[in-house]
Amino acid sequence: MNICCYSLNIKIYSLLLFTLFVTPCFSIKALSFENKPKLTLYTEHWPPYQLVDQQGQLSGISVDKVKNTLESVQWPYEIKVLPWARAIKEVNSNGNSLIFSTARFAERENKFQWLARLASVKSKLITASTHATIAINTIADVKDYTLILKRGEASTTFFIENNLIDEDKVIWVNNSEQALNLLIKGRGDLYPVTTDSFISAVKDSSYQLSQFNYVFDFKQLDVDLFLATSMNENSTLVNDLQKLFKTNFVQIK
């Protein structure tokens, strides 16, 4: 066989192999999602993962990943920012709806369908630096103190599921700003936070980081944050979204 013809055949064969086995794995444009329903995504103001600026614009680590992925395939959506407990209620009450950024841990595993990991967090219990007598050796010690909690939040779910809440020693708040105020005023003893969100909250307040102390490494909630949906959501939609985010995250992370 002529060397030129042999070389040409090898090139054609190699091109066919590349087309058959490589291109489908890496080309997001090759994915096709038919009958894409408009999605409603629920979230909360929780910097740096989701934050609403003074102009009402929503951005953040998780927001950017979700928006970039959906827009890459022209999937219609809207995002609604609500208090977290209401966001959970809405996603469980409405079809074609998602929620983020949702902490995934054992006590919550069977309460959502998990679509895509968005971030990882480290969790702590904090107090005001003036509360020098507070000592937490195990998580069960929180029963001895007044907790400041947000309804529906991961830490609240953990405390409830593990019988660590005394209703008479809980102050409910809607956001970290309220929680920090209560700690400084001495009305509450402990507030569970993730390190990144705590630093963001202090920066957005009139306080200094030196006015607070970490008193316990809340390792039970060193977890991943997810985009999720309710247990009742359509399985076809769930599978499509899992495939989309698994593929497209390679390009935007």
C-alpha atoms as a PDB file:
ATOM      1  CA  MET A   1       0.000   0.000   0.000  1.00  0.00           C
ATOM      2  CA  ASN A   2       1.193   3.471  -0.807  1.00  0.00           C
ATOM      3  CA  ILE A   3       2.588   5.175   2.319  1.00  0.00           C
ATOM      4  CA  CYS A   4       0.504   8.317   1.660  1.00  0.00           C
ATOM      5  CA  CYS A   5      -2.718   6.289   1.409  1.00  0.00           C
ATOM      6  CA  TYR A   6      -1.827   4.319   4.535  1.00  0.00           C
ATOM      7  CA  SER A   7      -1.186   7.536   6.461  1.00  0.00           C
ATOM      8  CA  LEU A   8      -4.464   9.005   5.243  1.00  0.00           C
ATOM      9  CA  ASN A   9      -6.413   5.925   6.367  1.00  0.00           C
ATOM     10  CA  ILE A  10      -4.824   6.102   9.811  1.00  0.00           C
ATOM     11  CA  LYS A  11      -5.824   9.753  10.166  1.00  0.00           C
ATOM     12  CA  ILE A  12      -9.409   9.048   9.108  1.00  0.00           C
ATOM     13  CA  TYR A  13      -9.633   6.111  11.519  1.00  0.00           C
ATOM     14  CA  SER A  14      -8.270   8.229  14.364  1.00  0.00           C
ATOM     15  CA  LEU A  15     -10.750  10.977  13.609  1.00  0.00           C
ATOM     16  CA  LEU A  16     -13.638   8.523  13.709  1.00  0.00           C
ATOM     17  CA  LEU A  17     -12.511   7.192  17.087  1.00  0.00           C
ATOM     18  CA  PHE A  18     -12.259  10.732  18.471  1.00  0.00           C
ATOM     19  CA  THR A  19     -15.729  11.572  17.196  1.00  0.00           C
ATOM     20  CA  LEU A  20     -17.326   8.429  18.590  1.00  0.00           C
ATOM     21  CA  PHE A  21     -15.714   8.262  22.015  1.00  0.00           C
ATOM     22  CA  VAL A  22     -14.363  11.669  23.008  1.00  0.00           C
ATOM     23  CA  THR A  23     -16.697  14.324  21.719  1.00  0.00           C
ATOM     24  CA  PRO A  24     -19.895  13.082  23.500  1.00  0.00           C
ATOM     25  CA  CYS A  25     -18.074  13.146  26.841  1.00  0.00           C
ATOM     26  CA  PHE A  26     -16.863  16.733  26.702  1.00  0.00           C
ATOM     27  CA  SER A  27     -19.218  18.725  24.503  1.00  0.00           C
ATOM     28  CA  ILE A  28     -21.984  20.349  26.538  1.00  0.00           C
ATOM     29  CA  LYS A  29     -23.580  21.461  23.291  1.00  0.00           C
ATOM     30  CA  ALA A  30     -24.122  17.796  22.414  1.00  0.00           C
ATOM     31  CA  LEU A  31     -26.552  17.473  25.305  1.00  0.00           C
ATOM     32  CA  SER A  32     -30.179  17.939  24.333  1.00  0.00           C
ATOM     33  CA  PHE A  33     -32.936  18.607  26.857  1.00  0.00           C
ATOM     34  CA  GLU A  34     -36.392  18.559  25.305  1.00  0.00           C
ATOM     35  CA  ASN A  35     -39.490  20.155  26.827  1.00  0.00           C
ATOM     36  CA  LYS A  36     -37.519  22.230  29.326  1.00  0.00           C
ATOM     37  CA  PRO A  37     -40.057  23.566  31.844  1.00  0.00           C
ATOM     38  CA  LYS A  38     -39.472  26.962  33.405  1.00  0.00           C
ATOM     39  CA  LEU A  39     -37.810  26.430  36.777  1.00  0.00           C
ATOM     40  CA  THR A  40     -38.393  28.399  39.945  1.00  0.00           C
ATOM     41  CA  LEU A  41     -35.324  28.419  42.166  1.00  0.00           C
ATOM     42  CA  TYR A  42     -35.650  29.384  45.821  1.00  0.00           C
ATOM     43  CA  THR A  43     -32.772  30.664  47.897  1.00  0.00           C
ATOM     44  CA  GLU A  44     -31.946  33.088  50.716  1.00  0.00           C
ATOM     45  CA  HIS A  45     -29.623  36.042  51.178  1.00  0.00           C
ATOM     46  CA  TRP A  46     -26.573  34.251  52.572  1.00  0.00           C
ATOM     47  CA  PRO A  47     -23.231  35.789  51.561  1.00  0.00           C
ATOM     48  CA  PRO A  48     -20.912  34.786  50.028  1.00  0.00           C
ATOM     49  CA  TYR A  49     -23.001  32.044  48.429  1.00  0.00           C
ATOM     50  CA  GLN A  50     -26.060  34.144  47.622  1.00  0.00           C
ATOM     51  CA  LEU A  51     -26.210  37.896  48.123  1.00  0.00           C
ATOM     52  CA  VAL A  52     -28.560  40.662  47.069  1.00  0.00           C
ATOM     53  CA  ASP A  53     -26.813  44.002  46.599  1.00  0.00           C
ATOM     54  CA  GLN A  54     -28.263  47.487  47.165  1.00  0.00           C
ATOM     55  CA  GLN A  55     -29.552  47.550  43.588  1.00  0.00           C
ATOM     56  CA  GLY A  56     -31.418  44.296  44.134  1.00  0.00           C
ATOM     57  CA  GLN A  57     -29.038  42.267  41.958  1.00  0.00           C
ATOM     58  CA  LEU A  58     -28.382  38.666  43.001  1.00  0.00           C
ATOM     59  CA  SER A  59     -24.899  37.155  42.784  1.00  0.00           C
ATOM     60  CA  GLY A  60     -22.575  34.883  44.737  1.00  0.00           C
ATOM     61  CA  ILE A  61     -20.563  31.663  44.547  1.00  0.00           C
ATOM     62  CA  SER A  62     -23.578  29.376  44.240  1.00  0.00           C
ATOM     63  CA  VAL A  63     -25.702  31.794  42.229  1.00  0.00           C
ATOM     64  CA  ASP A  64     -23.071  32.105  39.506  1.00  0.00           C
ATOM     65  CA  LYS A  65     -22.693  28.334  39.146  1.00  0.00           C
ATOM     66  CA  VAL A  66     -26.443  27.755  38.919  1.00  0.00           C
ATOM     67  CA  LYS A  67     -27.095  30.600  36.490  1.00  0.00           C
ATOM     68  CA  ASN A  68     -24.150  29.763  34.231  1.00  0.00           C
ATOM     69  CA  THR A  69     -25.191  26.133  33.966  1.00  0.00           C
ATOM     70  CA  LEU A  70     -28.852  26.757  33.167  1.00  0.00           C
ATOM     71  CA  GLU A  71     -28.078  29.541  30.723  1.00  0.00           C
ATOM     72  CA  SER A  72     -25.566  27.360  28.876  1.00  0.00           C
ATOM     73  CA  VAL A  73     -28.513  25.360  27.490  1.00  0.00           C
ATOM     74  CA  GLN A  74     -31.057  28.212  27.470  1.00  0.00           C
ATOM     75  CA  TRP A  75     -33.086  26.623  30.277  1.00  0.00           C
ATOM     76  CA  PRO A  76     -35.693  29.187  31.424  1.00  0.00           C
ATOM     77  CA  TYR A  77     -35.722  30.006  35.128  1.00  0.00           C
ATOM     78  CA  GLU A  78     -36.414  32.588  37.801  1.00  0.00           C
ATOM     79  CA  ILE A  79     -34.813  32.945  41.226  1.00  0.00           C
ATOM     80  CA  LYS A  80     -36.797  34.000  44.299  1.00  0.00           C
ATOM     81  CA  VAL A  81     -35.008  35.131  47.479  1.00  0.00           C
ATOM     82  CA  LEU A  82     -36.974  34.239  50.620  1.00  0.00           C
ATOM     83  CA  PRO A  83     -36.386  33.487  54.300  1.00  0.00           C
ATOM     84  CA  TRP A  84     -34.942  29.969  54.385  1.00  0.00           C
ATOM     85  CA  ALA A  85     -37.862  28.258  56.153  1.00  0.00           C
ATOM     86  CA  ARG A  86     -40.282  29.664  53.572  1.00  0.00           C
ATOM     87  CA  ALA A  87     -37.960  28.655  50.720  1.00  0.00           C
ATOM     88  CA  ILE A  88     -38.066  25.046  51.958  1.00  0.00           C
ATOM     89  CA  LYS A  89     -41.855  25.195  52.210  1.00  0.00           C
ATOM     90  CA  GLU A  90     -42.192  26.563  48.671  1.00  0.00           C
ATOM     91  CA  VAL A  91     -39.922  23.979  47.043  1.00  0.00           C
ATOM     92  CA  ASN A  92     -41.895  21.210  48.731  1.00  0.00           C
ATOM     93  CA  SER A  93     -45.223  22.699  47.615  1.00  0.00           C
ATOM     94  CA  ASN A  94     -44.531  23.515  43.954  1.00  0.00           C
ATOM     95  CA  GLY A  95     -43.453  21.500  40.940  1.00  0.00           C
ATOM     96  CA  ASN A  96     -40.513  22.424  38.700  1.00  0.00           C
ATOM     97  CA  SER A  97     -38.842  24.101  41.659  1.00  0.00           C
ATOM     98  CA  LEU A  98     -35.349  23.863  43.121  1.00  0.00           C
ATOM     99  CA  ILE A  99     -33.580  25.183  46.210  1.00  0.00           C
ATOM    100  CA  PHE A 100     -29.994  26.192  46.976  1.00  0.00           C
ATOM    101  CA  SER A 101     -27.567  26.268  48.772  1.00  0.00           C
ATOM    102  CA  THR A 102     -28.791  23.316  50.831  1.00  0.00           C
ATOM    103  CA  ALA A 103     -26.495  21.580  53.317  1.00  0.00           C
ATOM    104  CA  ARG A 104     -26.414  17.827  52.784  1.00  0.00           C
ATOM    105  CA  PHE A 105     -26.013  15.717  55.912  1.00  0.00           C
ATOM    106  CA  ALA A 106     -27.407  12.509  57.390  1.00  0.00           C
ATOM    107  CA  GLU A 107     -30.478  13.986  59.081  1.00  0.00           C
ATOM    108  CA  ARG A 108     -31.540  15.631  55.805  1.00  0.00           C
ATOM    109  CA  GLU A 109     -30.505  12.949  53.313  1.00  0.00           C
ATOM    110  CA  ASN A 110     -33.988  11.576  52.644  1.00  0.00           C
ATOM    111  CA  LYS A 111     -35.764  14.945  52.624  1.00  0.00           C
ATOM    112  CA  PHE A 112     -34.482  16.149  49.240  1.00  0.00           C
ATOM    113  CA  GLN A 113     -33.310  14.889  45.875  1.00  0.00           C
ATOM    114  CA  TRP A 114     -29.748  16.098  45.439  1.00  0.00           C
ATOM    115  CA  LEU A 115     -28.875  17.565  42.041  1.00  0.00           C
ATOM    116  CA  ALA A 116     -25.421  19.157  42.195  1.00  0.00           C
ATOM    117  CA  ARG A 117     -22.727  20.082  44.708  1.00  0.00           C
ATOM    118  CA  LEU A 118     -22.120  23.837  44.775  1.00  0.00           C
ATOM    119  CA  ALA A 119     -19.633  24.381  47.612  1.00  0.00           C
ATOM    120  CA  SER A 120     -18.207  22.982  50.849  1.00  0.00           C
ATOM    121  CA  VAL A 121     -18.353  24.631  54.265  1.00  0.00           C
ATOM    122  CA  LYS A 122     -16.777  24.458  57.709  1.00  0.00           C
ATOM    123  CA  SER A 123     -19.119  25.083  60.641  1.00  0.00           C
ATOM    124  CA  LYS A 124     -18.551  26.596  64.086  1.00  0.00           C
ATOM    125  CA  LEU A 125     -20.449  27.726  67.146  1.00  0.00           C
ATOM    126  CA  ILE A 126     -19.721  31.342  68.004  1.00  0.00           C
ATOM    127  CA  THR A 127     -20.346  33.581  70.974  1.00  0.00           C
ATOM    128  CA  ALA A 128     -19.575  37.162  71.937  1.00  0.00           C
ATOM    129  CA  SER A 129     -15.996  37.577  73.179  1.00  0.00           C
ATOM    130  CA  THR A 130     -17.401  38.957  76.451  1.00  0.00           C
ATOM    131  CA  HIS A 131     -18.919  35.530  77.233  1.00  0.00           C
ATOM    132  CA  ALA A 132     -15.691  34.108  78.586  1.00  0.00           C
ATOM    133  CA  THR A 133     -17.385  31.460  80.753  1.00  0.00           C
ATOM    134  CA  ILE A 134     -18.983  29.545  77.880  1.00  0.00           C
ATOM    135  CA  ALA A 135     -17.405  26.117  77.395  1.00  0.00           C
ATOM    136  CA  ILE A 136     -18.550  23.566  74.801  1.00  0.00           C
ATOM    137  CA  ASN A 137     -16.736  20.215  74.968  1.00  0.00           C
ATOM    138  CA  THR A 138     -19.294  18.145  73.078  1.00  0.00           C
ATOM    139  CA  ILE A 139     -22.265  19.207  70.983  1.00  0.00           C
ATOM    140  CA  ALA A 140     -24.613  18.033  73.751  1.00  0.00           C
ATOM    141  CA  ASP A 141     -23.343  20.903  75.918  1.00  0.00           C
ATOM    142  CA  VAL A 142     -25.437  23.375  73.873  1.00  0.00           C
ATOM    143  CA  LYS A 143     -28.389  22.393  76.056  1.00  0.00           C
ATOM    144  CA  ASP A 144     -26.844  24.454  78.858  1.00  0.00           C
ATOM    145  CA  TYR A 145     -27.026  27.697  76.860  1.00  0.00           C
ATOM    146  CA  THR A 146     -29.439  29.918  74.979  1.00  0.00           C
ATOM    147  CA  LEU A 147     -29.224  29.228  71.247  1.00  0.00           C
ATOM    148  CA  ILE A 148     -29.887  31.706  68.471  1.00  0.00           C
ATOM    149  CA  LEU A 149     -31.269  29.876  65.437  1.00  0.00           C
ATOM    150  CA  LYS A 150     -32.889  30.364  62.050  1.00  0.00           C
ATOM    151  CA  ARG A 151     -35.904  28.199  61.228  1.00  0.00           C
ATOM    152  CA  GLY A 152     -35.279  25.532  58.618  1.00  0.00           C
ATOM    153  CA  GLU A 153     -31.512  25.950  58.679  1.00  0.00           C
ATOM    154  CA  ALA A 154     -29.190  22.936  58.688  1.00  0.00           C
ATOM    155  CA  SER A 155     -28.036  23.483  62.270  1.00  0.00           C
ATOM    156  CA  THR A 156     -31.634  23.778  63.465  1.00  0.00           C
ATOM    157  CA  THR A 157     -32.545  20.529  61.714  1.00  0.00           C
ATOM    158  CA  PHE A 158     -29.531  18.850  63.302  1.00  0.00           C
ATOM    159  CA  PHE A 159     -30.404  20.076  66.797  1.00  0.00           C
ATOM    160  CA  ILE A 160     -34.054  19.039  66.473  1.00  0.00           C
ATOM    161  CA  GLU A 161     -33.299  15.584  65.036  1.00  0.00           C
ATOM    162  CA  ASN A 162     -30.814  14.940  67.853  1.00  0.00           C
ATOM    163  CA  ASN A 163     -33.061  16.283  70.652  1.00  0.00           C
ATOM    164  CA  LEU A 164     -30.687  19.121  71.511  1.00  0.00           C
ATOM    165  CA  ILE A 165     -33.215  21.953  71.577  1.00  0.00           C
ATOM    166  CA  ASP A 166     -34.967  23.291  74.649  1.00  0.00           C
ATOM    167  CA  GLU A 167     -37.704  25.574  73.248  1.00  0.00           C
ATOM    168  CA  ASP A 168     -37.421  27.795  76.318  1.00  0.00           C
ATOM    169  CA  LYS A 169     -33.761  28.440  75.507  1.00  0.00           C
ATOM    170  CA  VAL A 170     -34.014  29.308  71.801  1.00  0.00           C
ATOM    171  CA  ILE A 171     -34.261  32.740  70.197  1.00  0.00           C
ATOM    172  CA  TRP A 172     -35.459  32.623  66.587  1.00  0.00           C
ATOM    173  CA  VAL A 173     -34.042  35.075  64.048  1.00  0.00           C
ATOM    174  CA  ASN A 174     -34.384  35.675  60.306  1.00  0.00           C
ATOM    175  CA  ASN A 175     -30.759  36.497  59.512  1.00  0.00           C
ATOM    176  CA  SER A 176     -27.217  36.714  60.854  1.00  0.00           C
ATOM    177  CA  GLU A 177     -27.439  40.464  61.433  1.00  0.00           C
ATOM    178  CA  GLN A 178     -30.129  39.881  64.064  1.00  0.00           C
ATOM    179  CA  ALA A 179     -28.090  37.034  65.583  1.00  0.00           C
ATOM    180  CA  LEU A 180     -24.924  39.112  65.935  1.00  0.00           C
ATOM    181  CA  ASN A 181     -26.888  41.901  67.607  1.00  0.00           C
ATOM    182  CA  LEU A 182     -28.333  39.471  70.132  1.00  0.00           C
ATOM    183  CA  LEU A 183     -24.910  38.000  70.925  1.00  0.00           C
ATOM    184  CA  ILE A 184     -23.366  41.416  71.528  1.00  0.00           C
ATOM    185  CA  LYS A 185     -26.289  42.477  73.728  1.00  0.00           C
ATOM    186  CA  GLY A 186     -25.939  39.298  75.802  1.00  0.00           C
ATOM    187  CA  ARG A 187     -29.438  38.059  75.038  1.00  0.00           C
ATOM    188  CA  GLY A 188     -28.204  34.826  73.463  1.00  0.00           C
ATOM    189  CA  ASP A 189     -25.164  32.642  74.063  1.00  0.00           C
ATOM    190  CA  LEU A 190     -24.438  30.631  70.916  1.00  0.00           C
ATOM    191  CA  TYR A 191     -25.035  30.969  67.202  1.00  0.00           C
ATOM    192  CA  PRO A 192     -24.088  28.292  64.616  1.00  0.00           C
ATOM    193  CA  VAL A 193     -22.308  29.612  61.517  1.00  0.00           C
ATOM    194  CA  THR A 194     -20.228  28.586  58.556  1.00  0.00           C
ATOM    195  CA  THR A 195     -16.887  30.348  58.598  1.00  0.00           C
ATOM    196  CA  ASP A 196     -17.264  32.112  55.244  1.00  0.00           C
ATOM    197  CA  SER A 197     -20.799  33.321  55.905  1.00  0.00           C
ATOM    198  CA  PHE A 198     -19.848  34.516  59.403  1.00  0.00           C
ATOM    199  CA  ILE A 199     -16.958  36.610  58.081  1.00  0.00           C
ATOM    200  CA  SER A 200     -19.233  38.113  55.418  1.00  0.00           C
ATOM    201  CA  ALA A 201     -21.919  38.893  58.009  1.00  0.00           C
ATOM    202  CA  VAL A 202     -19.455  40.691  60.294  1.00  0.00           C
ATOM    203  CA  LYS A 203     -18.052  42.706  57.380  1.00  0.00           C
ATOM    204  CA  ASP A 204     -21.578  43.839  56.525  1.00  0.00           C
ATOM    205  CA  SER A 205     -22.272  44.858  60.140  1.00  0.00           C
ATOM    206  CA  SER A 206     -20.963  47.554  62.465  1.00  0.00           C
ATOM    207  CA  TYR A 207     -19.026  44.947  64.486  1.00  0.00           C
ATOM    208  CA  GLN A 208     -15.470  43.600  64.377  1.00  0.00           C
ATOM    209  CA  LEU A 209     -14.352  39.968  64.186  1.00  0.00           C
ATOM    210  CA  SER A 210     -12.524  40.489  67.497  1.00  0.00           C
ATOM    211  CA  GLN A 211     -15.898  40.906  69.223  1.00  0.00           C
ATOM    212  CA  PHE A 212     -16.708  37.221  68.654  1.00  0.00           C
ATOM    213  CA  ASN A 213     -15.094  33.909  69.503  1.00  0.00           C
ATOM    214  CA  TYR A 214     -15.270  30.440  67.999  1.00  0.00           C
ATOM    215  CA  VAL A 215     -16.119  28.114  70.894  1.00  0.00           C
ATOM    216  CA  PHE A 216     -16.699  24.800  69.102  1.00  0.00           C
ATOM    217  CA  ASP A 217     -15.780  23.134  65.818  1.00  0.00           C
ATOM    218  CA  PHE A 218     -19.206  21.974  64.629  1.00  0.00           C
ATOM    219  CA  LYS A 219     -17.735  19.122  62.574  1.00  0.00           C
ATOM    220  CA  GLN A 220     -21.090  17.392  62.231  1.00  0.00           C
ATOM    221  CA  LEU A 221     -21.975  20.190  59.828  1.00  0.00           C
ATOM    222  CA  ASP A 222     -18.732  20.389  57.867  1.00  0.00           C
ATOM    223  CA  VAL A 223     -20.736  19.557  54.778  1.00  0.00           C
ATOM    224  CA  ASP A 224     -21.313  20.131  51.093  1.00  0.00           C
ATOM    225  CA  LEU A 225     -23.873  22.644  49.856  1.00  0.00           C
ATOM    226  CA  PHE A 226     -26.172  21.436  47.103  1.00  0.00           C
ATOM    227  CA  LEU A 227     -28.736  22.417  44.555  1.00  0.00           C
ATOM    228  CA  ALA A 228     -31.691  20.223  45.469  1.00  0.00           C
ATOM    229  CA  THR A 229     -35.368  19.608  44.869  1.00  0.00           C
ATOM    230  CA  SER A 230     -38.254  17.989  46.705  1.00  0.00           C
ATOM    231  CA  MET A 231     -38.768  14.246  47.000  1.00  0.00           C
ATOM    232  CA  ASN A 232     -41.912  14.609  44.874  1.00  0.00           C
ATOM    233  CA  GLU A 233     -40.233  16.208  41.861  1.00  0.00           C
ATOM    234  CA  ASN A 234     -40.548  14.525  38.453  1.00  0.00           C
ATOM    235  CA  SER A 235     -37.841  11.874  38.002  1.00  0.00           C
ATOM    236  CA  THR A 236     -37.199  12.801  34.359  1.00  0.00           C
ATOM    237  CA  LEU A 237     -36.546  16.418  35.320  1.00  0.00           C
ATOM    238  CA  VAL A 238     -34.286  15.326  38.172  1.00  0.00           C
ATOM    239  CA  ASN A 239     -32.241  13.052  35.888  1.00  0.00           C
ATOM    240  CA  ASP A 240     -31.903  15.761  33.227  1.00  0.00           C
ATOM    241  CA  LEU A 241     -30.708  18.341  35.747  1.00  0.00           C
ATOM    242  CA  GLN A 242     -28.255  15.948  37.375  1.00  0.00           C
ATOM    243  CA  LYS A 243     -26.783  15.144  33.954  1.00  0.00           C
ATOM    244  CA  LEU A 244     -26.610  18.807  32.966  1.00  0.00           C
ATOM    245  CA  PHE A 245     -24.862  19.966  36.127  1.00  0.00           C
ATOM    246  CA  LYS A 246     -22.490  17.008  36.194  1.00  0.00           C
ATOM    247  CA  THR A 247     -21.359  17.770  32.649  1.00  0.00           C
ATOM    248  CA  ASN A 248     -21.312  21.552  32.673  1.00  0.00           C
ATOM    249  CA  PHE A 249     -19.596  21.986  36.047  1.00  0.00           C
ATOM    250  CA  VAL A 250     -16.357  20.801  34.402  1.00  0.00           C
ATOM    251  CA  GLN A 251     -16.430  23.977  32.335  1.00  0.00           C
ATOM    252  CA  ILE A 252     -17.325  26.590  34.972  1.00  0.00           C
ATOM    253  CA  LYS A 253     -15.869  25.495  38.309  1.00  0.00           C
END
